Amino acid sequence: MTKILLVEDNEMNRDMLSRRLSRNGFEVVIAVNGQEGVDLALSEKPALILMDMSLPVLDGWEATRQVKAHPETASIPVIALTAHAMASDREQAMAAGCDDFDTKPVELPRLLGKIKARLGLPE
């Protein structure tokens, strides 16, 4: 089973996304803040990370920078999840090292398409 690390501090978003990802055949590991996300990326070595950008302790931009700076996790694709849908938000996420960007509220078919594309899985 393909492992996804979901870094999300909002309980409702976390619950909804983790259940939907599990139903689509993914193993989901959950972090509730940016520092926990960095730590779990290193220990769990997920195939992909879904990173909320507005996180406590360490925001998603800094957490992504740290994940991408570490040799053991640098190649893990990171998809930014944010309610901020401005072009500058996408640019900021990409500059931090994110590989893709998706807006909240999450449209699951669109997000699954991005996940599968990043992992080289069939649609």
PDB file of N, CA and C in Angstrom:
ATOM      1  N   MET A   1       0.845  -1.176   0.000  1.00  0.00           N
ATOM      2  CA  MET A   1       0.000   0.000   0.000  1.00  0.00           C
ATOM      3  C   MET A   1       0.894   1.245   0.000  1.00  0.00           C
ATOM      4  N   THR A   2       0.563   2.214  -0.833  1.00  0.00           N
ATOM      5  CA  THR A   2       1.329   3.442  -0.943  1.00  0.00           C
ATOM      6  C   THR A   2       1.055   4.348   0.256  1.00  0.00           C
ATOM      7  N   LYS A   3       2.135   4.792   0.901  1.00  0.00           N
ATOM      8  CA  LYS A   3       2.015   5.602   2.117  1.00  0.00           C
ATOM      9  C   LYS A   3       2.037   7.089   1.800  1.00  0.00           C
ATOM     10  N   ILE A   4       1.027   7.804   2.329  1.00  0.00           N
ATOM     11  CA  ILE A   4       0.946   9.258   2.193  1.00  0.00           C
ATOM     12  C   ILE A   4       0.995   9.870   3.585  1.00  0.00           C
ATOM     13  N   LEU A   5       1.818  10.887   3.736  1.00  0.00           N
ATOM     14  CA  LEU A   5       1.862  11.659   4.978  1.00  0.00           C
ATOM     15  C   LEU A   5       0.957  12.866   4.799  1.00  0.00           C
ATOM     16  N   LEU A   6      -0.065  12.968   5.643  1.00  0.00           N
ATOM     17  CA  LEU A   6      -0.987  14.098   5.637  1.00  0.00           C
ATOM     18  C   LEU A   6      -0.629  15.005   6.805  1.00  0.00           C
ATOM     19  N   VAL A   7      -0.179  16.220   6.497  1.00  0.00           N
ATOM     20  CA  VAL A   7       0.183  17.188   7.533  1.00  0.00           C
ATOM     21  C   VAL A   7      -0.925  18.243   7.542  1.00  0.00           C
ATOM     22  N   GLU A   8      -1.794  18.152   8.541  1.00  0.00           N
ATOM     23  CA  GLU A   8      -2.997  18.991   8.588  1.00  0.00           C
ATOM     24  C   GLU A   8      -3.408  19.205  10.036  1.00  0.00           C
ATOM     25  N   ASP A   9      -3.576  20.461  10.434  1.00  0.00           N
ATOM     26  CA  ASP A   9      -3.935  20.744  11.829  1.00  0.00           C
ATOM     27  C   ASP A   9      -5.440  20.792  12.067  1.00  0.00           C
ATOM     28  N   ASN A  10      -6.243  20.942  11.010  1.00  0.00           N
ATOM     29  CA  ASN A  10      -7.690  21.015  11.174  1.00  0.00           C
ATOM     30  C   ASN A  10      -8.274  19.603  11.251  1.00  0.00           C
ATOM     31  N   GLU A  11      -8.899  19.288  12.384  1.00  0.00           N
ATOM     32  CA  GLU A  11      -9.384  17.928  12.627  1.00  0.00           C
ATOM     33  C   GLU A  11     -10.398  17.466  11.581  1.00  0.00           C
ATOM     34  N   MET A  12     -11.318  18.344  11.194  1.00  0.00           N
ATOM     35  CA  MET A  12     -12.319  17.947  10.194  1.00  0.00           C
ATOM     36  C   MET A  12     -11.671  17.654   8.845  1.00  0.00           C
ATOM     37  N   ASN A  13     -10.757  18.498   8.412  1.00  0.00           N
ATOM     38  CA  ASN A  13     -10.045  18.260   7.153  1.00  0.00           C
ATOM     39  C   ASN A  13      -9.230  16.972   7.214  1.00  0.00           C
ATOM     40  N   ARG A  14      -8.548  16.777   8.333  1.00  0.00           N
ATOM     41  CA  ARG A  14      -7.720  15.581   8.543  1.00  0.00           C
ATOM     42  C   ARG A  14      -8.567  14.319   8.449  1.00  0.00           C
ATOM     43  N   ASP A  15      -9.692  14.317   9.156  1.00  0.00           N
ATOM     44  CA  ASP A  15     -10.560  13.144   9.194  1.00  0.00           C
ATOM     45  C   ASP A  15     -11.120  12.846   7.799  1.00  0.00           C
ATOM     46  N   MET A  16     -11.644  13.862   7.142  1.00  0.00           N
ATOM     47  CA  MET A  16     -12.241  13.682   5.821  1.00  0.00           C
ATOM     48  C   MET A  16     -11.210  13.188   4.809  1.00  0.00           C
ATOM     49  N   LEU A  17     -10.067  13.856   4.766  1.00  0.00           N
ATOM     50  CA  LEU A  17      -9.042  13.470   3.792  1.00  0.00           C
ATOM     51  C   LEU A  17      -8.464  12.091   4.079  1.00  0.00           C
ATOM     52  N   SER A  18      -8.183  11.790   5.333  1.00  0.00           N
ATOM     53  CA  SER A  18      -7.583  10.488   5.643  1.00  0.00           C
ATOM     54  C   SER A  18      -8.542   9.345   5.304  1.00  0.00           C
ATOM     55  N   ARG A  19      -9.832   9.524   5.599  1.00  0.00           N
ATOM     56  CA  ARG A  19     -10.799   8.469   5.268  1.00  0.00           C
ATOM     57  C   ARG A  19     -10.910   8.283   3.758  1.00  0.00           C
ATOM     58  N   ARG A  20     -10.981   9.393   3.024  1.00  0.00           N
ATOM     59  CA  ARG A  20     -11.116   9.300   1.569  1.00  0.00           C
ATOM     60  C   ARG A  20      -9.865   8.706   0.916  1.00  0.00           C
ATOM     61  N   LEU A  21      -8.697   9.070   1.411  1.00  0.00           N
ATOM     62  CA  LEU A  21      -7.460   8.506   0.865  1.00  0.00           C
ATOM     63  C   LEU A  21      -7.370   7.012   1.173  1.00  0.00           C
ATOM     64  N   SER A  22      -7.747   6.628   2.388  1.00  0.00           N
ATOM     65  CA  SER A  22      -7.736   5.205   2.765  1.00  0.00           C
ATOM     66  C   SER A  22      -8.670   4.405   1.865  1.00  0.00           C
ATOM     67  N   ARG A  23      -9.856   4.956   1.605  1.00  0.00           N
ATOM     68  CA  ARG A  23     -10.816   4.269   0.731  1.00  0.00           C
ATOM     69  C   ARG A  23     -10.295   4.138  -0.691  1.00  0.00           C
ATOM     70  N   ASN A  24      -9.368   4.985  -1.064  1.00  0.00           N
ATOM     71  CA  ASN A  24      -8.772   4.914  -2.395  1.00  0.00           C
ATOM     72  C   ASN A  24      -7.478   4.107  -2.414  1.00  0.00           C
ATOM     73  N   GLY A  25      -7.222   3.363  -1.340  1.00  0.00           N
ATOM     74  CA  GLY A  25      -6.118   2.408  -1.333  1.00  0.00           C
ATOM     75  C   GLY A  25      -4.792   2.915  -0.804  1.00  0.00           C
ATOM     76  N   PHE A  26      -4.788   4.076  -0.154  1.00  0.00           N
ATOM     77  CA  PHE A  26      -3.544   4.605   0.388  1.00  0.00           C
ATOM     78  C   PHE A  26      -3.458   4.365   1.888  1.00  0.00           C
ATOM     79  N   GLU A  27      -2.248   4.140   2.386  1.00  0.00           N
ATOM     80  CA  GLU A  27      -1.989   4.122   3.823  1.00  0.00           C
ATOM     81  C   GLU A  27      -1.707   5.567   4.214  1.00  0.00           C
ATOM     82  N   VAL A  28      -2.388   6.050   5.244  1.00  0.00           N
ATOM     83  CA  VAL A  28      -2.252   7.454   5.621  1.00  0.00           C
ATOM     84  C   VAL A  28      -1.599   7.582   6.997  1.00  0.00           C
ATOM     85  N   VAL A  29      -0.536   8.364   7.061  1.00  0.00           N
ATOM     86  CA  VAL A  29       0.138   8.716   8.309  1.00  0.00           C
ATOM     87  C   VAL A  29      -0.186  10.188   8.541  1.00  0.00           C
ATOM     88  N   ILE A  30      -0.514  10.557   9.784  1.00  0.00           N
ATOM     89  CA  ILE A  30      -0.985  11.909  10.063  1.00  0.00           C
ATOM     90  C   ILE A  30      -0.053  12.671  11.000  1.00  0.00           C
ATOM     91  N   ALA A  31       0.212  13.926  10.630  1.00  0.00           N
ATOM     92  CA  ALA A  31       0.926  14.865  11.493  1.00  0.00           C
ATOM     93  C   ALA A  31       0.016  16.077  11.679  1.00  0.00           C
ATOM     94  N   VAL A  32       0.030  16.658  12.883  1.00  0.00           N
ATOM     95  CA  VAL A  32      -0.876  17.771  13.181  1.00  0.00           C
ATOM     96  C   VAL A  32      -0.177  19.134  13.217  1.00  0.00           C
ATOM     97  N   ASN A  33       1.143  19.149  13.027  1.00  0.00           N
ATOM     98  CA  ASN A  33       1.863  20.424  12.918  1.00  0.00           C
ATOM     99  C   ASN A  33       3.088  20.212  12.022  1.00  0.00           C
ATOM    100  N   GLY A  34       3.708  21.317  11.642  1.00  0.00           N
ATOM    101  CA  GLY A  34       4.824  21.233  10.702  1.00  0.00           C
ATOM    102  C   GLY A  34       6.029  20.466  11.211  1.00  0.00           C
ATOM    103  N   GLN A  35       6.362  20.636  12.484  1.00  0.00           N
ATOM    104  CA  GLN A  35       7.520  19.919  13.031  1.00  0.00           C
ATOM    105  C   GLN A  35       7.272  18.414  13.046  1.00  0.00           C
ATOM    106  N   GLU A  36       6.067  18.030  13.431  1.00  0.00           N
ATOM    107  CA  GLU A  36       5.707  16.604  13.417  1.00  0.00           C
ATOM    108  C   GLU A  36       5.753  16.074  11.981  1.00  0.00           C
ATOM    109  N   GLY A  37       5.362  16.901  11.029  1.00  0.00           N
ATOM    110  CA  GLY A  37       5.426  16.505   9.625  1.00  0.00           C
ATOM    111  C   GLY A  37       6.845  16.222   9.174  1.00  0.00           C
ATOM    112  N   VAL A  38       7.769  17.086   9.541  1.00  0.00           N
ATOM    113  CA  VAL A  38       9.182  16.886   9.200  1.00  0.00           C
ATOM    114  C   VAL A  38       9.691  15.601   9.855  1.00  0.00           C
ATOM    115  N   ASP A  39       9.387  15.426  11.144  1.00  0.00           N
ATOM    116  CA  ASP A  39       9.848  14.242  11.878  1.00  0.00           C
ATOM    117  C   ASP A  39       9.296  12.950  11.271  1.00  0.00           C
ATOM    118  N   LEU A  40       7.986  12.954  10.936  1.00  0.00           N
ATOM    119  CA  LEU A  40       7.377  11.755  10.359  1.00  0.00           C
ATOM    120  C   LEU A  40       7.867  11.502   8.934  1.00  0.00           C
ATOM    121  N   ALA A  41       8.165  12.549   8.185  1.00  0.00           N
ATOM    122  CA  ALA A  41       8.736  12.351   6.841  1.00  0.00           C
ATOM    123  C   ALA A  41      10.048  11.588   6.949  1.00  0.00           C
ATOM    124  N   LEU A  42      10.861  11.953   7.934  1.00  0.00           N
ATOM    125  CA  LEU A  42      12.150  11.283   8.128  1.00  0.00           C
ATOM    126  C   LEU A  42      11.994   9.847   8.627  1.00  0.00           C
ATOM    127  N   SER A  43      11.058   9.625   9.539  1.00  0.00           N
ATOM    128  CA  SER A  43      10.925   8.282  10.123  1.00  0.00           C
ATOM    129  C   SER A  43      10.076   7.333   9.282  1.00  0.00           C
ATOM    130  N   GLU A  44       9.059   7.859   8.615  1.00  0.00           N
ATOM    131  CA  GLU A  44       8.119   7.001   7.871  1.00  0.00           C
ATOM    132  C   GLU A  44       8.465   6.847   6.389  1.00  0.00           C
ATOM    133  N   LYS A  45       9.219   7.792   5.840  1.00  0.00           N
ATOM    134  CA  LYS A  45       9.568   7.789   4.405  1.00  0.00           C
ATOM    135  C   LYS A  45       8.342   7.550   3.515  1.00  0.00           C
ATOM    136  N   PRO A  46       7.352   8.455   3.590  1.00  0.00           N
ATOM    137  CA  PRO A  46       6.160   8.273   2.761  1.00  0.00           C
ATOM    138  C   PRO A  46       6.479   8.434   1.277  1.00  0.00           C
ATOM    139  N   ALA A  47       5.581   7.945   0.427  1.00  0.00           N
ATOM    140  CA  ALA A  47       5.755   8.103  -1.018  1.00  0.00           C
ATOM    141  C   ALA A  47       5.425   9.527  -1.443  1.00  0.00           C
ATOM    142  N   LEU A  48       4.573  10.212  -0.645  1.00  0.00           N
ATOM    143  CA  LEU A  48       4.128  11.562  -0.982  1.00  0.00           C
ATOM    144  C   LEU A  48       3.678  12.264   0.292  1.00  0.00           C
ATOM    145  N   ILE A  49       3.787  13.587   0.310  1.00  0.00           N
ATOM    146  CA  ILE A  49       3.342  14.383   1.458  1.00  0.00           C
ATOM    147  C   ILE A  49       2.303  15.399   0.992  1.00  0.00           C
ATOM    148  N   LEU A  50       1.169  15.424   1.704  1.00  0.00           N
ATOM    149  CA  LEU A  50       0.173  16.484   1.519  1.00  0.00           C
ATOM    150  C   LEU A  50       0.403  17.469   2.655  1.00  0.00           C
ATOM    151  N   MET A  51       0.808  18.679   2.333  1.00  0.00           N
ATOM    152  CA  MET A  51       1.251  19.648   3.338  1.00  0.00           C
ATOM    153  C   MET A  51       0.332  20.859   3.386  1.00  0.00           C
ATOM    154  N   ASP A  52      -0.402  20.988   4.497  1.00  0.00           N
ATOM    155  CA  ASP A  52      -1.140  22.226   4.738  1.00  0.00           C
ATOM    156  C   ASP A  52      -0.085  23.318   4.921  1.00  0.00           C
ATOM    157  N   MET A  53      -0.380  24.522   4.478  1.00  0.00           N
ATOM    158  CA  MET A  53       0.595  25.603   4.597  1.00  0.00           C
ATOM    159  C   MET A  53       0.446  26.390   5.896  1.00  0.00           C
ATOM    160  N   SER A  54      -0.763  26.456   6.428  1.00  0.00           N
ATOM    161  CA  SER A  54      -1.021  27.209   7.667  1.00  0.00           C
ATOM    162  C   SER A  54      -1.044  26.231   8.841  1.00  0.00           C
ATOM    163  N   LEU A  55       0.114  26.025   9.426  1.00  0.00           N
ATOM    164  CA  LEU A  55       0.269  25.028  10.492  1.00  0.00           C
ATOM    165  C   LEU A  55       0.867  25.664  11.745  1.00  0.00           C
ATOM    166  N   PRO A  56       0.544  25.092  12.912  1.00  0.00           N
ATOM    167  CA  PRO A  56       1.198  25.547  14.141  1.00  0.00           C
ATOM    168  C   PRO A  56       2.616  24.982  14.258  1.00  0.00           C
ATOM    169  N   VAL A  57       3.366  25.512  15.169  1.00  0.00           N
ATOM    170  CA  VAL A  57       4.750  25.123  15.504  1.00  0.00           C
ATOM    171  C   VAL A  57       5.719  25.490  14.389  1.00  0.00           C
ATOM    172  N   LEU A  58       5.506  24.948  13.205  1.00  0.00           N
ATOM    173  CA  LEU A  58       6.344  25.206  12.033  1.00  0.00           C
ATOM    174  C   LEU A  58       5.387  25.282  10.855  1.00  0.00           C
ATOM    175  N   ASP A  59       5.351  26.398  10.127  1.00  0.00           N
ATOM    176  CA  ASP A  59       4.385  26.478   9.024  1.00  0.00           C
ATOM    177  C   ASP A  59       4.782  25.546   7.880  1.00  0.00           C
ATOM    178  N   GLY A  60       3.851  25.351   6.965  1.00  0.00           N
ATOM    179  CA  GLY A  60       4.060  24.406   5.871  1.00  0.00           C
ATOM    180  C   GLY A  60       5.191  24.776   4.943  1.00  0.00           C
ATOM    181  N   TRP A  61       5.420  26.081   4.771  1.00  0.00           N
ATOM    182  CA  TRP A  61       6.523  26.506   3.908  1.00  0.00           C
ATOM    183  C   TRP A  61       7.869  26.081   4.515  1.00  0.00           C
ATOM    184  N   GLU A  62       8.056  26.344   5.804  1.00  0.00           N
ATOM    185  CA  GLU A  62       9.323  25.980   6.456  1.00  0.00           C
ATOM    186  C   GLU A  62       9.456  24.468   6.589  1.00  0.00           C
ATOM    187  N   ALA A  63       8.356  23.794   6.899  1.00  0.00           N
ATOM    188  CA  ALA A  63       8.395  22.330   7.002  1.00  0.00           C
ATOM    189  C   ALA A  63       8.808  21.725   5.656  1.00  0.00           C
ATOM    190  N   THR A  64       8.264  22.258   4.563  1.00  0.00           N
ATOM    191  CA  THR A  64       8.635  21.766   3.230  1.00  0.00           C
ATOM    192  C   THR A  64      10.104  22.028   2.949  1.00  0.00           C
ATOM    193  N   ARG A  65      10.584  23.236   3.292  1.00  0.00           N
ATOM    194  CA  ARG A  65      12.014  23.543   3.092  1.00  0.00           C
ATOM    195  C   ARG A  65      12.891  22.525   3.828  1.00  0.00           C
ATOM    196  N   GLN A  66      12.514  22.187   5.066  1.00  0.00           N
ATOM    197  CA  GLN A  66      13.311  21.241   5.848  1.00  0.00           C
ATOM    198  C   GLN A  66      13.262  19.834   5.256  1.00  0.00           C
ATOM    199  N   VAL A  67      12.081  19.405   4.804  1.00  0.00           N
ATOM    200  CA  VAL A  67      11.946  18.085   4.174  1.00  0.00           C
ATOM    201  C   VAL A  67      12.811  18.032   2.917  1.00  0.00           C
ATOM    202  N   LYS A  68      12.752  19.079   2.098  1.00  0.00           N
ATOM    203  CA  LYS A  68      13.495  19.102   0.833  1.00  0.00           C
ATOM    204  C   LYS A  68      14.997  19.276   1.049  1.00  0.00           C
ATOM    205  N   ALA A  69      15.393  19.837   2.192  1.00  0.00           N
ATOM    206  CA  ALA A  69      16.817  20.040   2.483  1.00  0.00           C
ATOM    207  C   ALA A  69      17.488  18.772   2.992  1.00  0.00           C
ATOM    208  N   HIS A  70      16.710  17.810   3.465  1.00  0.00           N
ATOM    209  CA  HIS A  70      17.290  16.589   4.029  1.00  0.00           C
ATOM    210  C   HIS A  70      17.481  15.550   2.928  1.00  0.00           C
ATOM    211  N   PRO A  71      18.694  14.979   2.796  1.00  0.00           N
ATOM    212  CA  PRO A  71      18.964  14.022   1.716  1.00  0.00           C
ATOM    213  C   PRO A  71      18.016  12.816   1.706  1.00  0.00           C
ATOM    214  N   GLU A  72      17.572  12.376   2.877  1.00  0.00           N
ATOM    215  CA  GLU A  72      16.703  11.193   2.939  1.00  0.00           C
ATOM    216  C   GLU A  72      15.277  11.469   2.485  1.00  0.00           C
ATOM    217  N   THR A  73      14.855  12.728   2.481  1.00  0.00           N
ATOM    218  CA  THR A  73      13.468  13.047   2.146  1.00  0.00           C
ATOM    219  C   THR A  73      13.343  14.023   0.973  1.00  0.00           C
ATOM    220  N   ALA A  74      14.455  14.470   0.437  1.00  0.00           N
ATOM    221  CA  ALA A  74      14.444  15.502  -0.609  1.00  0.00           C
ATOM    222  C   ALA A  74      13.646  15.094  -1.840  1.00  0.00           C
ATOM    223  N   SER A  75      13.609  13.811  -2.161  1.00  0.00           N
ATOM    224  CA  SER A  75      12.934  13.377  -3.393  1.00  0.00           C
ATOM    225  C   SER A  75      11.451  13.069  -3.188  1.00  0.00           C
ATOM    226  N   ILE A  76      10.953  13.165  -1.964  1.00  0.00           N
ATOM    227  CA  ILE A  76       9.531  12.891  -1.717  1.00  0.00           C
ATOM    228  C   ILE A  76       8.702  14.051  -2.270  1.00  0.00           C
ATOM    229  N   PRO A  77       7.741  13.760  -3.164  1.00  0.00           N
ATOM    230  CA  PRO A  77       6.907  14.842  -3.687  1.00  0.00           C
ATOM    231  C   PRO A  77       6.039  15.449  -2.580  1.00  0.00           C
ATOM    232  N   VAL A  78       5.928  16.768  -2.582  1.00  0.00           N
ATOM    233  CA  VAL A  78       5.096  17.485  -1.614  1.00  0.00           C
ATOM    234  C   VAL A  78       4.039  18.267  -2.392  1.00  0.00           C
ATOM    235  N   ILE A  79       2.774  18.034  -2.032  1.00  0.00           N
ATOM    236  CA  ILE A  79       1.672  18.800  -2.600  1.00  0.00           C
ATOM    237  C   ILE A  79       1.166  19.748  -1.517  1.00  0.00           C
ATOM    238  N   ALA A  80       1.240  21.048  -1.803  1.00  0.00           N
ATOM    239  CA  ALA A  80       0.755  22.060  -0.864  1.00  0.00           C
ATOM    240  C   ALA A  80      -0.764  22.070  -0.880  1.00  0.00           C
ATOM    241  N   LEU A  81      -1.358  22.157   0.315  1.00  0.00           N
ATOM    242  CA  LEU A  81      -2.809  22.312   0.449  1.00  0.00           C
ATOM    243  C   LEU A  81      -3.056  23.625   1.177  1.00  0.00           C
ATOM    244  N   THR A  82      -3.832  24.504   0.553  1.00  0.00           N
ATOM    245  CA  THR A  82      -4.079  25.786   1.195  1.00  0.00           C
ATOM    246  C   THR A  82      -5.398  26.383   0.750  1.00  0.00           C
ATOM    247  N   ALA A  83      -5.989  27.159   1.629  1.00  0.00           N
ATOM    248  CA  ALA A  83      -7.206  27.899   1.290  1.00  0.00           C
ATOM    249  C   ALA A  83      -6.858  29.158   0.502  1.00  0.00           C
ATOM    250  N   HIS A  84      -5.588  29.513   0.462  1.00  0.00           N
ATOM    251  CA  HIS A  84      -5.134  30.695  -0.271  1.00  0.00           C
ATOM    252  C   HIS A  84      -4.940  30.325  -1.737  1.00  0.00           C
ATOM    253  N   ALA A  85      -5.746  30.910  -2.604  1.00  0.00           N
ATOM    254  CA  ALA A  85      -5.752  30.485  -4.005  1.00  0.00           C
ATOM    255  C   ALA A  85      -5.145  31.511  -4.962  1.00  0.00           C
ATOM    256  N   MET A  86      -4.438  32.481  -4.433  1.00  0.00           N
ATOM    257  CA  MET A  86      -3.817  33.494  -5.286  1.00  0.00           C
ATOM    258  C   MET A  86      -2.597  32.910  -6.009  1.00  0.00           C
ATOM    259  N   ALA A  87      -2.285  33.468  -7.163  1.00  0.00           N
ATOM    260  CA  ALA A  87      -1.109  33.013  -7.913  1.00  0.00           C
ATOM    261  C   ALA A  87       0.149  33.140  -7.069  1.00  0.00           C
ATOM    262  N   SER A  88       0.222  34.197  -6.255  1.00  0.00           N
ATOM    263  CA  SER A  88       1.412  34.392  -5.422  1.00  0.00           C
ATOM    264  C   SER A  88       1.540  33.288  -4.362  1.00  0.00           C
ATOM    265  N   ASP A  89       0.411  32.731  -3.910  1.00  0.00           N
ATOM    266  CA  ASP A  89       0.459  31.625  -2.942  1.00  0.00           C
ATOM    267  C   ASP A  89       1.057  30.384  -3.587  1.00  0.00           C
ATOM    268  N   ARG A  90       0.660  30.119  -4.828  1.00  0.00           N
ATOM    269  CA  ARG A  90       1.213  28.977  -5.562  1.00  0.00           C
ATOM    270  C   ARG A  90       2.725  29.182  -5.743  1.00  0.00           C
ATOM    271  N   GLU A  91       3.115  30.387  -6.150  1.00  0.00           N
ATOM    272  CA  GLU A  91       4.535  30.684  -6.369  1.00  0.00           C
ATOM    273  C   GLU A  91       5.333  30.522  -5.075  1.00  0.00           C
ATOM    274  N   GLN A  92       4.761  30.977  -3.954  1.00  0.00           N
ATOM    275  CA  GLN A  92       5.441  30.860  -2.667  1.00  0.00           C
ATOM    276  C   GLN A  92       5.615  29.386  -2.275  1.00  0.00           C
ATOM    277  N   ALA A  93       4.585  28.575  -2.512  1.00  0.00           N
ATOM    278  CA  ALA A  93       4.668  27.149  -2.194  1.00  0.00           C
ATOM    279  C   ALA A  93       5.721  26.461  -3.066  1.00  0.00           C
ATOM    280  N   MET A  94       5.742  26.795  -4.341  1.00  0.00           N
ATOM    281  CA  MET A  94       6.723  26.185  -5.246  1.00  0.00           C
ATOM    282  C   MET A  94       8.142  26.627  -4.876  1.00  0.00           C
ATOM    283  N   ALA A  95       8.286  27.885  -4.481  1.00  0.00           N
ATOM    284  CA  ALA A  95       9.598  28.388  -4.072  1.00  0.00           C
ATOM    285  C   ALA A  95      10.093  27.687  -2.809  1.00  0.00           C
ATOM    286  N   ALA A  96       9.175  27.251  -1.958  1.00  0.00           N
ATOM    287  CA  ALA A  96       9.556  26.538  -0.732  1.00  0.00           C
ATOM    288  C   ALA A  96       9.954  25.093  -1.025  1.00  0.00           C
ATOM    289  N   GLY A  97       9.656  24.628  -2.232  1.00  0.00           N
ATOM    290  CA  GLY A  97      10.042  23.263  -2.604  1.00  0.00           C
ATOM    291  C   GLY A  97       8.882  22.336  -2.883  1.00  0.00           C
ATOM    292  N   CYS A  98       7.657  22.835  -2.803  1.00  0.00           N
ATOM    293  CA  CYS A  98       6.510  21.987  -3.110  1.00  0.00           C
ATOM    294  C   CYS A  98       6.539  21.596  -4.589  1.00  0.00           C
ATOM    295  N   ASP A  99       6.070  20.398  -4.877  1.00  0.00           N
ATOM    296  CA  ASP A  99       6.062  19.898  -6.249  1.00  0.00           C
ATOM    297  C   ASP A  99       4.748  20.191  -6.961  1.00  0.00           C
ATOM    298  N   ASP A 100       3.709  20.448  -6.177  1.00  0.00           N
ATOM    299  CA  ASP A 100       2.400  20.761  -6.743  1.00  0.00           C
ATOM    300  C   ASP A 100       1.618  21.543  -5.699  1.00  0.00           C
ATOM    301  N   PHE A 101       0.416  21.973  -6.075  1.00  0.00           N
ATOM    302  CA  PHE A 101      -0.355  22.896  -5.253  1.00  0.00           C
ATOM    303  C   PHE A 101      -1.824  22.580  -5.458  1.00  0.00           C
ATOM    304  N   ASP A 102      -2.596  22.527  -4.385  1.00  0.00           N
ATOM    305  CA  ASP A 102      -4.033  22.331  -4.514  1.00  0.00           C
ATOM    306  C   ASP A 102      -4.731  23.199  -3.476  1.00  0.00           C
ATOM    307  N   THR A 103      -5.917  23.651  -3.822  1.00  0.00           N
ATOM    308  CA  THR A 103      -6.638  24.558  -2.946  1.00  0.00           C
ATOM    309  C   THR A 103      -7.702  23.835  -2.127  1.00  0.00           C
ATOM    310  N   LYS A 104      -8.024  24.459  -1.001  1.00  0.00           N
ATOM    311  CA  LYS A 104      -9.114  23.985  -0.156  1.00  0.00           C
ATOM    312  C   LYS A 104     -10.318  24.886  -0.428  1.00  0.00           C
ATOM    313  N   PRO A 105     -11.528  24.385  -0.334  1.00  0.00           N
ATOM    314  CA  PRO A 105     -11.825  23.009   0.028  1.00  0.00           C
ATOM    315  C   PRO A 105     -11.353  22.046  -1.067  1.00  0.00           C
ATOM    316  N   VAL A 106     -10.871  20.908  -0.628  1.00  0.00           N
ATOM    317  CA  VAL A 106     -10.293  19.913  -1.528  1.00  0.00           C
ATOM    318  C   VAL A 106     -11.386  19.287  -2.393  1.00  0.00           C
ATOM    319  N   GLU A 107     -11.119  19.246  -3.684  1.00  0.00           N
ATOM    320  CA  GLU A 107     -11.954  18.475  -4.606  1.00  0.00           C
ATOM    321  C   GLU A 107     -11.217  17.167  -4.804  1.00  0.00           C
ATOM    322  N   LEU A 108     -11.746  16.087  -4.211  1.00  0.00           N
ATOM    323  CA  LEU A 108     -11.013  14.823  -4.175  1.00  0.00           C
ATOM    324  C   LEU A 108     -10.595  14.296  -5.548  1.00  0.00           C
ATOM    325  N   PRO A 109     -11.465  14.278  -6.558  1.00  0.00           N
ATOM    326  CA  PRO A 109     -11.004  13.757  -7.856  1.00  0.00           C
ATOM    327  C   PRO A 109      -9.785  14.517  -8.394  1.00  0.00           C
ATOM    328  N   ARG A 110      -9.791  15.846  -8.242  1.00  0.00           N
ATOM    329  CA  ARG A 110      -8.658  16.655  -8.713  1.00  0.00           C
ATOM    330  C   ARG A 110      -7.402  16.328  -7.913  1.00  0.00           C
ATOM    331  N   LEU A 111      -7.535  16.252  -6.573  1.00  0.00           N
ATOM    332  CA  LEU A 111      -6.377  15.946  -5.733  1.00  0.00           C
ATOM    333  C   LEU A 111      -5.853  14.538  -6.022  1.00  0.00           C
ATOM    334  N   LEU A 112      -6.745  13.567  -6.159  1.00  0.00           N
ATOM    335  CA  LEU A 112      -6.306  12.196  -6.473  1.00  0.00           C
ATOM    336  C   LEU A 112      -5.556  12.162  -7.800  1.00  0.00           C
ATOM    337  N   GLY A 113      -6.003  12.945  -8.758  1.00  0.00           N
ATOM    338  CA  GLY A 113      -5.305  13.017 -10.044  1.00  0.00           C
ATOM    339  C   GLY A 113      -3.887  13.531  -9.877  1.00  0.00           C
ATOM    340  N   LYS A 114      -3.729  14.552  -9.042  1.00  0.00           N
ATOM    341  CA  LYS A 114      -2.394  15.104  -8.786  1.00  0.00           C
ATOM    342  C   LYS A 114      -1.521  14.101  -8.038  1.00  0.00           C
ATOM    343  N   ILE A 115      -2.099  13.420  -7.052  1.00  0.00           N
ATOM    344  CA  ILE A 115      -1.353  12.403  -6.289  1.00  0.00           C
ATOM    345  C   ILE A 115      -0.884  11.293  -7.219  1.00  0.00           C
ATOM    346  N   LYS A 116      -1.798  10.764  -8.009  1.00  0.00           N
ATOM    347  CA  LYS A 116      -1.460   9.654  -8.919  1.00  0.00           C
ATOM    348  C   LYS A 116      -0.422  10.085  -9.954  1.00  0.00           C
ATOM    349  N   ALA A 117      -0.536  11.304 -10.453  1.00  0.00           N
ATOM    350  CA  ALA A 117       0.432  11.798 -11.421  1.00  0.00           C
ATOM    351  C   ALA A 117       1.822  11.890 -10.794  1.00  0.00           C
ATOM    352  N   ARG A 118       1.915  12.413  -9.584  1.00  0.00           N
ATOM    353  CA  ARG A 118       3.205  12.556  -8.894  1.00  0.00           C
ATOM    354  C   ARG A 118       3.821  11.204  -8.567  1.00  0.00           C
ATOM    355  N   LEU A 119       2.978  10.188  -8.304  1.00  0.00           N
ATOM    356  CA  LEU A 119       3.472   8.868  -7.945  1.00  0.00           C
ATOM    357  C   LEU A 119       3.611   7.935  -9.142  1.00  0.00           C
ATOM    358  N   GLY A 120       3.209   8.409 -10.315  1.00  0.00           N
ATOM    359  CA  GLY A 120       3.283   7.579 -11.521  1.00  0.00           C
ATOM    360  C   GLY A 120       2.295   6.436 -11.501  1.00  0.00           C
ATOM    361  N   LEU A 121       1.150   6.640 -10.837  1.00  0.00           N
ATOM    362  CA  LEU A 121       0.107   5.608 -10.752  1.00  0.00           C
ATOM    363  C   LEU A 121      -0.918   5.831 -11.867  1.00  0.00           C
ATOM    364  N   PRO A 122      -1.558   4.744 -12.337  1.00  0.00           N
ATOM    365  CA  PRO A 122      -2.597   4.924 -13.365  1.00  0.00           C
ATOM    366  C   PRO A 122      -3.792   5.687 -12.812  1.00  0.00           C
ATOM    367  N   GLU A 123      -4.426   6.458 -13.659  1.00  0.00           N
ATOM    368  CA  GLU A 123      -5.605   7.249 -13.241  1.00  0.00           C
ATOM    369  C   GLU A 123      -6.758   6.353 -12.858  1.00  0.00           C
TER     370      GLU A 123
END
